[in-house]
């Protein structure tokens, strides 16, 4: 969570795209599984594929939607949903 907050505060804003939104059935809190978002972005000519942290509310994005990605030089990234 510390890295995520740091990336949101000081990471570079890049354009990305949602690849997939899904329920992560094998992880549950009570009987509720979290959502996850796979997203992709390009930085310095290299394409990265990452996933969001666990989301307990259904995200309001779909496949191929644009998304803002916050990334650092080492290739670590996050999105804010």
PDB file of N, CA and C in Angstrom:
ATOM      1  N   UNK A   1       0.834  -1.197   0.000  1.00  0.00           N
ATOM      2  CA  UNK A   1       0.000   0.000   0.000  1.00  0.00           C
ATOM      3  C   UNK A   1       0.877   1.258   0.000  1.00  0.00           C
ATOM      4  N   UNK A   2       2.035   1.196   0.684  1.00  0.00           N
ATOM      5  CA  UNK A   2       2.933   2.357   0.691  1.00  0.00           C
ATOM      6  C   UNK A   2       3.431   2.685  -0.714  1.00  0.00           C
ATOM      7  N   UNK A   3       3.822   1.644  -1.459  1.00  0.00           N
ATOM      8  CA  UNK A   3       4.296   1.853  -2.820  1.00  0.00           C
ATOM      9  C   UNK A   3       3.176   2.424  -3.686  1.00  0.00           C
ATOM     10  N   UNK A   4       1.981   1.910  -3.525  1.00  0.00           N
ATOM     11  CA  UNK A   4       0.832   2.405  -4.301  1.00  0.00           C
ATOM     12  C   UNK A   4       0.589   3.881  -4.036  1.00  0.00           C
ATOM     13  N   UNK A   5       0.614   4.292  -2.774  1.00  0.00           N
ATOM     14  CA  UNK A   5       0.419   5.702  -2.430  1.00  0.00           C
ATOM     15  C   UNK A   5       1.543   6.571  -2.990  1.00  0.00           C
ATOM     16  N   UNK A   6       2.770   6.061  -2.951  1.00  0.00           N
ATOM     17  CA  UNK A   6       3.910   6.808  -3.502  1.00  0.00           C
ATOM     18  C   UNK A   6       3.763   6.986  -5.016  1.00  0.00           C
ATOM     19  N   UNK A   7       3.340   5.925  -5.699  1.00  0.00           N
ATOM     20  CA  UNK A   7       3.150   6.019  -7.145  1.00  0.00           C
ATOM     21  C   UNK A   7       2.033   6.997  -7.496  1.00  0.00           C
ATOM     22  N   UNK A   8       0.948   6.980  -6.742  1.00  0.00           N
ATOM     23  CA  UNK A   8      -0.151   7.911  -7.000  1.00  0.00           C
ATOM     24  C   UNK A   8       0.275   9.356  -6.769  1.00  0.00           C
ATOM     25  N   UNK A   9       1.153   9.570  -5.794  1.00  0.00           N
ATOM     26  CA  UNK A   9       1.589  10.928  -5.456  1.00  0.00           C
ATOM     27  C   UNK A   9       2.669  11.452  -6.401  1.00  0.00           C
ATOM     28  N   UNK A  10       3.629  10.599  -6.765  1.00  0.00           N
ATOM     29  CA  UNK A  10       4.774  11.112  -7.511  1.00  0.00           C
ATOM     30  C   UNK A  10       5.096  10.338  -8.789  1.00  0.00           C
ATOM     31  N   UNK A  11       4.287   9.352  -9.155  1.00  0.00           N
ATOM     32  CA  UNK A  11       4.547   8.597 -10.377  1.00  0.00           C
ATOM     33  C   UNK A  11       4.173   9.378 -11.623  1.00  0.00           C
ATOM     34  N   UNK A  12       4.734   8.963 -12.739  1.00  0.00           N
ATOM     35  CA  UNK A  12       4.414   9.596 -14.019  1.00  0.00           C
ATOM     36  C   UNK A  12       3.032   9.147 -14.472  1.00  0.00           C
ATOM     37  N   UNK A  13       2.227  10.065 -14.959  1.00  0.00           N
ATOM     38  CA  UNK A  13       0.902   9.723 -15.485  1.00  0.00           C
ATOM     39  C   UNK A  13       1.056   9.285 -16.932  1.00  0.00           C
ATOM     40  N   UNK A  14       0.620   8.063 -17.210  1.00  0.00           N
ATOM     41  CA  UNK A  14       0.697   7.507 -18.552  1.00  0.00           C
ATOM     42  C   UNK A  14      -0.681   7.018 -18.980  1.00  0.00           C
ATOM     43  N   UNK A  15      -0.870   6.911 -20.269  1.00  0.00           N
ATOM     44  CA  UNK A  15      -2.133   6.372 -20.794  1.00  0.00           C
ATOM     45  C   UNK A  15      -2.029   4.857 -20.866  1.00  0.00           C
ATOM     46  N   UNK A  16      -3.056   4.198 -20.402  1.00  0.00           N
ATOM     47  CA  UNK A  16      -3.101   2.743 -20.451  1.00  0.00           C
ATOM     48  C   UNK A  16      -4.446   2.275 -20.948  1.00  0.00           C
ATOM     49  N   UNK A  17      -4.609   0.951 -21.016  1.00  0.00           N
ATOM     50  CA  UNK A  17      -5.855   0.376 -21.482  1.00  0.00           C
ATOM     51  C   UNK A  17      -6.198  -0.841 -20.624  1.00  0.00           C
ATOM     52  N   UNK A  18      -7.476  -0.973 -20.301  1.00  0.00           N
ATOM     53  CA  UNK A  18      -7.953  -2.121 -19.536  1.00  0.00           C
ATOM     54  C   UNK A  18      -7.983  -3.330 -20.462  1.00  0.00           C
ATOM     55  N   UNK A  19      -7.341  -4.422 -20.040  1.00  0.00           N
ATOM     56  CA  UNK A  19      -7.365  -5.662 -20.812  1.00  0.00           C
ATOM     57  C   UNK A  19      -8.504  -6.576 -20.363  1.00  0.00           C
ATOM     58  N   UNK A  20      -8.743  -6.614 -19.042  1.00  0.00           N
ATOM     59  CA  UNK A  20      -9.732  -7.553 -18.530  1.00  0.00           C
ATOM     60  C   UNK A  20     -10.143  -7.139 -17.125  1.00  0.00           C
ATOM     61  N   UNK A  21     -11.413  -7.301 -16.793  1.00  0.00           N
ATOM     62  CA  UNK A  21     -11.929  -7.109 -15.438  1.00  0.00           C
ATOM     63  C   UNK A  21     -12.534  -8.445 -15.024  1.00  0.00           C
ATOM     64  N   UNK A  22     -12.125  -8.953 -13.859  1.00  0.00           N
ATOM     65  CA  UNK A  22     -12.627 -10.264 -13.458  1.00  0.00           C
ATOM     66  C   UNK A  22     -12.743 -10.384 -11.939  1.00  0.00           C
ATOM     67  N   UNK A  23     -13.515 -11.361 -11.502  1.00  0.00           N
ATOM     68  CA  UNK A  23     -13.623 -11.704 -10.082  1.00  0.00           C
ATOM     69  C   UNK A  23     -12.534 -12.713  -9.756  1.00  0.00           C
ATOM     70  N   UNK A  24     -11.824 -12.480  -8.684  1.00  0.00           N
ATOM     71  CA  UNK A  24     -10.769 -13.394  -8.254  1.00  0.00           C
ATOM     72  C   UNK A  24     -11.376 -14.369  -7.237  1.00  0.00           C
ATOM     73  N   UNK A  25     -11.940 -15.465  -7.745  1.00  0.00           N
ATOM     74  CA  UNK A  25     -12.738 -16.388  -6.938  1.00  0.00           C
ATOM     75  C   UNK A  25     -11.955 -17.066  -5.823  1.00  0.00           C
ATOM     76  N   UNK A  26     -10.673 -17.336  -6.021  1.00  0.00           N
ATOM     77  CA  UNK A  26      -9.907 -18.082  -5.019  1.00  0.00           C
ATOM     78  C   UNK A  26      -9.489 -17.237  -3.816  1.00  0.00           C
ATOM     79  N   UNK A  27      -9.743 -15.940  -3.857  1.00  0.00           N
ATOM     80  CA  UNK A  27      -9.519 -15.066  -2.712  1.00  0.00           C
ATOM     81  C   UNK A  27     -10.879 -14.521  -2.295  1.00  0.00           C
ATOM     82  N   UNK A  28     -11.232 -14.694  -1.040  1.00  0.00           N
ATOM     83  CA  UNK A  28     -12.536 -14.211  -0.591  1.00  0.00           C
ATOM     84  C   UNK A  28     -12.429 -13.626   0.806  1.00  0.00           C
ATOM     85  N   UNK A  29     -13.269 -12.652   1.064  1.00  0.00           N
ATOM     86  CA  UNK A  29     -13.432 -12.099   2.402  1.00  0.00           C
ATOM     87  C   UNK A  29     -14.876 -12.373   2.777  1.00  0.00           C
ATOM     88  N   UNK A  30     -15.070 -13.283   3.714  1.00  0.00           N
ATOM     89  CA  UNK A  30     -16.423 -13.779   3.941  1.00  0.00           C
ATOM     90  C   UNK A  30     -16.778 -14.638   2.751  1.00  0.00           C
ATOM     91  N   UNK A  31     -17.793 -14.266   2.049  1.00  0.00           N
ATOM     92  CA  UNK A  31     -18.151 -14.982   0.810  1.00  0.00           C
ATOM     93  C   UNK A  31     -18.013 -14.102  -0.417  1.00  0.00           C
ATOM     94  N   UNK A  32     -17.409 -12.958  -0.253  1.00  0.00           N
ATOM     95  CA  UNK A  32     -17.297 -12.017  -1.355  1.00  0.00           C
ATOM     96  C   UNK A  32     -15.896 -12.055  -1.969  1.00  0.00           C
ATOM     97  N   UNK A  33     -15.787 -12.409  -3.253  1.00  0.00           N
ATOM     98  CA  UNK A  33     -14.488 -12.343  -3.921  1.00  0.00           C
ATOM     99  C   UNK A  33     -14.214 -10.917  -4.421  1.00  0.00           C
ATOM    100  N   UNK A  34     -12.966 -10.519  -4.456  1.00  0.00           N
ATOM    101  CA  UNK A  34     -12.633  -9.178  -4.956  1.00  0.00           C
ATOM    102  C   UNK A  34     -12.533  -9.160  -6.485  1.00  0.00           C
ATOM    103  N   UNK A  35     -12.589  -7.971  -7.029  1.00  0.00           N
ATOM    104  CA  UNK A  35     -12.367  -7.765  -8.460  1.00  0.00           C
ATOM    105  C   UNK A  35     -10.908  -7.438  -8.674  1.00  0.00           C
ATOM    106  N   UNK A  36     -10.451  -7.691  -9.896  1.00  0.00           N
ATOM    107  CA  UNK A  36      -9.110  -7.309 -10.315  1.00  0.00           C
ATOM    108  C   UNK A  36      -9.202  -6.773 -11.728  1.00  0.00           C
ATOM    109  N   UNK A  37      -8.315  -5.854 -12.058  1.00  0.00           N
ATOM    110  CA  UNK A  37      -8.255  -5.280 -13.402  1.00  0.00           C
ATOM    111  C   UNK A  37      -6.869  -5.551 -13.973  1.00  0.00           C
ATOM    112  N   UNK A  38      -6.809  -6.212 -15.120  1.00  0.00           N
ATOM    113  CA  UNK A  38      -5.560  -6.325 -15.862  1.00  0.00           C
ATOM    114  C   UNK A  38      -5.491  -5.114 -16.776  1.00  0.00           C
ATOM    115  N   UNK A  39      -4.341  -4.451 -16.806  1.00  0.00           N
ATOM    116  CA  UNK A  39      -4.179  -3.289 -17.672  1.00  0.00           C
ATOM    117  C   UNK A  39      -2.817  -3.322 -18.330  1.00  0.00           C
ATOM    118  N   UNK A  40      -2.690  -2.579 -19.413  1.00  0.00           N
ATOM    119  CA  UNK A  40      -1.442  -2.517 -20.150  1.00  0.00           C
ATOM    120  C   UNK A  40      -1.102  -1.060 -20.442  1.00  0.00           C
ATOM    121  N   UNK A  41       0.177  -0.774 -20.510  1.00  0.00           N
ATOM    122  CA  UNK A  41       0.638   0.562 -20.879  1.00  0.00           C
ATOM    123  C   UNK A  41       2.015   0.455 -21.505  1.00  0.00           C
ATOM    124  N   UNK A  42       2.423   1.495 -22.211  1.00  0.00           N
ATOM    125  CA  UNK A  42       3.727   1.519 -22.855  1.00  0.00           C
ATOM    126  C   UNK A  42       4.538   2.657 -22.263  1.00  0.00           C
ATOM    127  N   UNK A  43       5.789   2.346 -21.927  1.00  0.00           N
ATOM    128  CA  UNK A  43       6.703   3.338 -21.350  1.00  0.00           C
ATOM    129  C   UNK A  43       8.085   3.110 -21.948  1.00  0.00           C
ATOM    130  N   UNK A  44       8.653   4.148 -22.535  1.00  0.00           N
ATOM    131  CA  UNK A  44       9.983   4.081 -23.165  1.00  0.00           C
ATOM    132  C   UNK A  44      10.068   2.960 -24.196  1.00  0.00           C
ATOM    133  N   UNK A  45       9.018   2.780 -24.972  1.00  0.00           N
ATOM    134  CA  UNK A  45       9.016   1.792 -26.029  1.00  0.00           C
ATOM    135  C   UNK A  45       8.778   0.363 -25.577  1.00  0.00           C
ATOM    136  N   UNK A  46       8.571   0.141 -24.303  1.00  0.00           N
ATOM    137  CA  UNK A  46       8.327  -1.201 -23.780  1.00  0.00           C
ATOM    138  C   UNK A  46       6.893  -1.292 -23.266  1.00  0.00           C
ATOM    139  N   UNK A  47       6.205  -2.378 -23.578  1.00  0.00           N
ATOM    140  CA  UNK A  47       4.829  -2.587 -23.142  1.00  0.00           C
ATOM    141  C   UNK A  47       4.821  -3.392 -21.851  1.00  0.00           C
ATOM    142  N   UNK A  48       4.053  -2.911 -20.879  1.00  0.00           N
ATOM    143  CA  UNK A  48       3.939  -3.568 -19.573  1.00  0.00           C
ATOM    144  C   UNK A  48       2.512  -4.059 -19.378  1.00  0.00           C
ATOM    145  N   UNK A  49       2.377  -5.209 -18.730  1.00  0.00           N
ATOM    146  CA  UNK A  49       1.080  -5.782 -18.373  1.00  0.00           C
ATOM    147  C   UNK A  49       1.071  -5.952 -16.857  1.00  0.00           C
ATOM    148  N   UNK A  50       0.153  -5.289 -16.183  1.00  0.00           N
ATOM    149  CA  UNK A  50       0.068  -5.359 -14.725  1.00  0.00           C
ATOM    150  C   UNK A  50      -1.374  -5.573 -14.302  1.00  0.00           C
ATOM    151  N   UNK A  51      -1.572  -5.793 -13.001  1.00  0.00           N
ATOM    152  CA  UNK A  51      -2.925  -5.944 -12.464  1.00  0.00           C
ATOM    153  C   UNK A  51      -3.109  -5.003 -11.287  1.00  0.00           C
ATOM    154  N   UNK A  52      -4.349  -4.664 -11.046  1.00  0.00           N
ATOM    155  CA  UNK A  52      -4.692  -3.728  -9.975  1.00  0.00           C
ATOM    156  C   UNK A  52      -4.614  -4.429  -8.623  1.00  0.00           C
ATOM    157  N   UNK A  53      -4.638  -3.645  -7.555  1.00  0.00           N
ATOM    158  CA  UNK A  53      -4.810  -4.268  -6.239  1.00  0.00           C
ATOM    159  C   UNK A  53      -6.226  -4.844  -6.134  1.00  0.00           C
ATOM    160  N   UNK A  54      -6.500  -5.558  -5.063  1.00  0.00           N
ATOM    161  CA  UNK A  54      -7.834  -6.123  -4.870  1.00  0.00           C
ATOM    162  C   UNK A  54      -8.856  -5.002  -4.722  1.00  0.00           C
ATOM    163  N   UNK A  55      -9.966  -5.126  -5.427  1.00  0.00           N
ATOM    164  CA  UNK A  55     -11.042  -4.132  -5.403  1.00  0.00           C
ATOM    165  C   UNK A  55     -12.302  -4.811  -4.890  1.00  0.00           C
ATOM    166  N   UNK A  56     -12.842  -4.317  -3.805  1.00  0.00           N
ATOM    167  CA  UNK A  56     -13.997  -4.972  -3.195  1.00  0.00           C
ATOM    168  C   UNK A  56     -15.322  -4.478  -3.753  1.00  0.00           C
ATOM    169  N   UNK A  57     -15.317  -3.368  -4.468  1.00  0.00           N
ATOM    170  CA  UNK A  57     -16.511  -2.877  -5.157  1.00  0.00           C
ATOM    171  C   UNK A  57     -16.303  -3.056  -6.648  1.00  0.00           C
ATOM    172  N   UNK A  58     -17.385  -3.316  -7.370  1.00  0.00           N
ATOM    173  CA  UNK A  58     -17.280  -3.528  -8.810  1.00  0.00           C
ATOM    174  C   UNK A  58     -16.778  -2.249  -9.487  1.00  0.00           C
ATOM    175  N   UNK A  59     -15.663  -2.349 -10.227  1.00  0.00           N
ATOM    176  CA  UNK A  59     -15.134  -1.156 -10.896  1.00  0.00           C
ATOM    177  C   UNK A  59     -15.996  -0.752 -12.080  1.00  0.00           C
ATOM    178  N   UNK A  60     -15.995   0.521 -12.367  1.00  0.00           N
ATOM    179  CA  UNK A  60     -16.807   1.074 -13.447  1.00  0.00           C
ATOM    180  C   UNK A  60     -15.971   1.199 -14.724  1.00  0.00           C
ATOM    181  N   UNK A  61     -15.285   0.139 -15.084  1.00  0.00           N
ATOM    182  CA  UNK A  61     -14.503   0.095 -16.325  1.00  0.00           C
ATOM    183  C   UNK A  61     -14.765  -1.235 -17.009  1.00  0.00           C
ATOM    184  N   UNK A  62     -14.504  -1.272 -18.300  1.00  0.00           N
ATOM    185  CA  UNK A  62     -14.693  -2.489 -19.093  1.00  0.00           C
ATOM    186  C   UNK A  62     -13.465  -2.691 -19.972  1.00  0.00           C
ATOM    187  N   UNK A  63     -13.397  -3.831 -20.619  1.00  0.00           N
ATOM    188  CA  UNK A  63     -12.290  -4.116 -21.516  1.00  0.00           C
ATOM    189  C   UNK A  63     -12.156  -3.024 -22.568  1.00  0.00           C
ATOM    190  N   UNK A  64     -10.923  -2.671 -22.854  1.00  0.00           N
ATOM    191  CA  UNK A  64     -10.542  -1.667 -23.855  1.00  0.00           C
ATOM    192  C   UNK A  64     -10.848  -0.236 -23.443  1.00  0.00           C
ATOM    193  N   UNK A  65     -11.255  -0.009 -22.195  1.00  0.00           N
ATOM    194  CA  UNK A  65     -11.433   1.361 -21.706  1.00  0.00           C
ATOM    195  C   UNK A  65     -10.066   1.982 -21.428  1.00  0.00           C
ATOM    196  N   UNK A  66      -9.930   3.279 -21.689  1.00  0.00           N
ATOM    197  CA  UNK A  66      -8.670   3.942 -21.325  1.00  0.00           C
ATOM    198  C   UNK A  66      -8.592   4.106 -19.807  1.00  0.00           C
ATOM    199  N   UNK A  67      -7.380   4.091 -19.283  1.00  0.00           N
ATOM    200  CA  UNK A  67      -7.164   4.234 -17.848  1.00  0.00           C
ATOM    201  C   UNK A  67      -5.858   4.996 -17.639  1.00  0.00           C
ATOM    202  N   UNK A  68      -5.802   5.797 -16.579  1.00  0.00           N
ATOM    203  CA  UNK A  68      -4.584   6.530 -16.244  1.00  0.00           C
ATOM    204  C   UNK A  68      -3.717   5.630 -15.371  1.00  0.00           C
ATOM    205  N   UNK A  69      -2.471   5.433 -15.776  1.00  0.00           N
ATOM    206  CA  UNK A  69      -1.521   4.592 -15.061  1.00  0.00           C
ATOM    207  C   UNK A  69      -0.476   5.493 -14.429  1.00  0.00           C
ATOM    208  N   UNK A  70      -0.137   5.211 -13.188  1.00  0.00           N
ATOM    209  CA  UNK A  70       0.923   5.932 -12.481  1.00  0.00           C
ATOM    210  C   UNK A  70       2.098   4.984 -12.350  1.00  0.00           C
ATOM    211  N   UNK A  71       3.238   5.330 -12.953  1.00  0.00           N
ATOM    212  CA  UNK A  71       4.382   4.422 -13.006  1.00  0.00           C
ATOM    213  C   UNK A  71       5.672   5.138 -12.627  1.00  0.00           C
ATOM    214  N   UNK A  72       6.675   4.327 -12.254  1.00  0.00           N
ATOM    215  CA  UNK A  72       8.000   4.869 -11.985  1.00  0.00           C
ATOM    216  C   UNK A  72       8.996   4.281 -12.991  1.00  0.00           C
ATOM    217  N   UNK A  73      10.245   4.697 -12.907  1.00  0.00           N
ATOM    218  CA  UNK A  73      11.273   4.259 -13.866  1.00  0.00           C
ATOM    219  C   UNK A  73      11.575   2.773 -13.787  1.00  0.00           C
ATOM    220  N   UNK A  74      11.304   2.135 -12.659  1.00  0.00           N
ATOM    221  CA  UNK A  74      11.632   0.717 -12.506  1.00  0.00           C
ATOM    222  C   UNK A  74      10.568  -0.213 -13.071  1.00  0.00           C
ATOM    223  N   UNK A  75       9.466   0.331 -13.594  1.00  0.00           N
ATOM    224  CA  UNK A  75       8.432  -0.500 -14.197  1.00  0.00           C
ATOM    225  C   UNK A  75       7.295  -0.842 -13.252  1.00  0.00           C
ATOM    226  N   UNK A  76       7.330  -0.342 -12.027  1.00  0.00           N
ATOM    227  CA  UNK A  76       6.234  -0.567 -11.080  1.00  0.00           C
ATOM    228  C   UNK A  76       5.128   0.438 -11.404  1.00  0.00           C
ATOM    229  N   UNK A  77       3.877  -0.008 -11.265  1.00  0.00           N
ATOM    230  CA  UNK A  77       2.763   0.878 -11.610  1.00  0.00           C
ATOM    231  C   UNK A  77       1.529   0.556 -10.809  1.00  0.00           C
ATOM    232  N   UNK A  78       0.568   1.470 -10.878  1.00  0.00           N
ATOM    233  CA  UNK A  78      -0.744   1.273 -10.277  1.00  0.00           C
ATOM    234  C   UNK A  78      -1.744   2.121 -11.033  1.00  0.00           C
ATOM    235  N   UNK A  79      -3.013   1.854 -10.795  1.00  0.00           N
ATOM    236  CA  UNK A  79      -4.076   2.673 -11.371  1.00  0.00           C
ATOM    237  C   UNK A  79      -4.975   3.106 -10.234  1.00  0.00           C
ATOM    238  N   UNK A  80      -5.689   4.202 -10.459  1.00  0.00           N
ATOM    239  CA  UNK A  80      -6.655   4.671  -9.475  1.00  0.00           C
ATOM    240  C   UNK A  80      -8.036   4.488 -10.076  1.00  0.00           C
ATOM    241  N   UNK A  81      -8.868   3.692  -9.395  1.00  0.00           N
ATOM    242  CA  UNK A  81     -10.191   3.382  -9.933  1.00  0.00           C
ATOM    243  C   UNK A  81     -11.235   4.115  -9.134  1.00  0.00           C
TER     244      UNK A  81
END
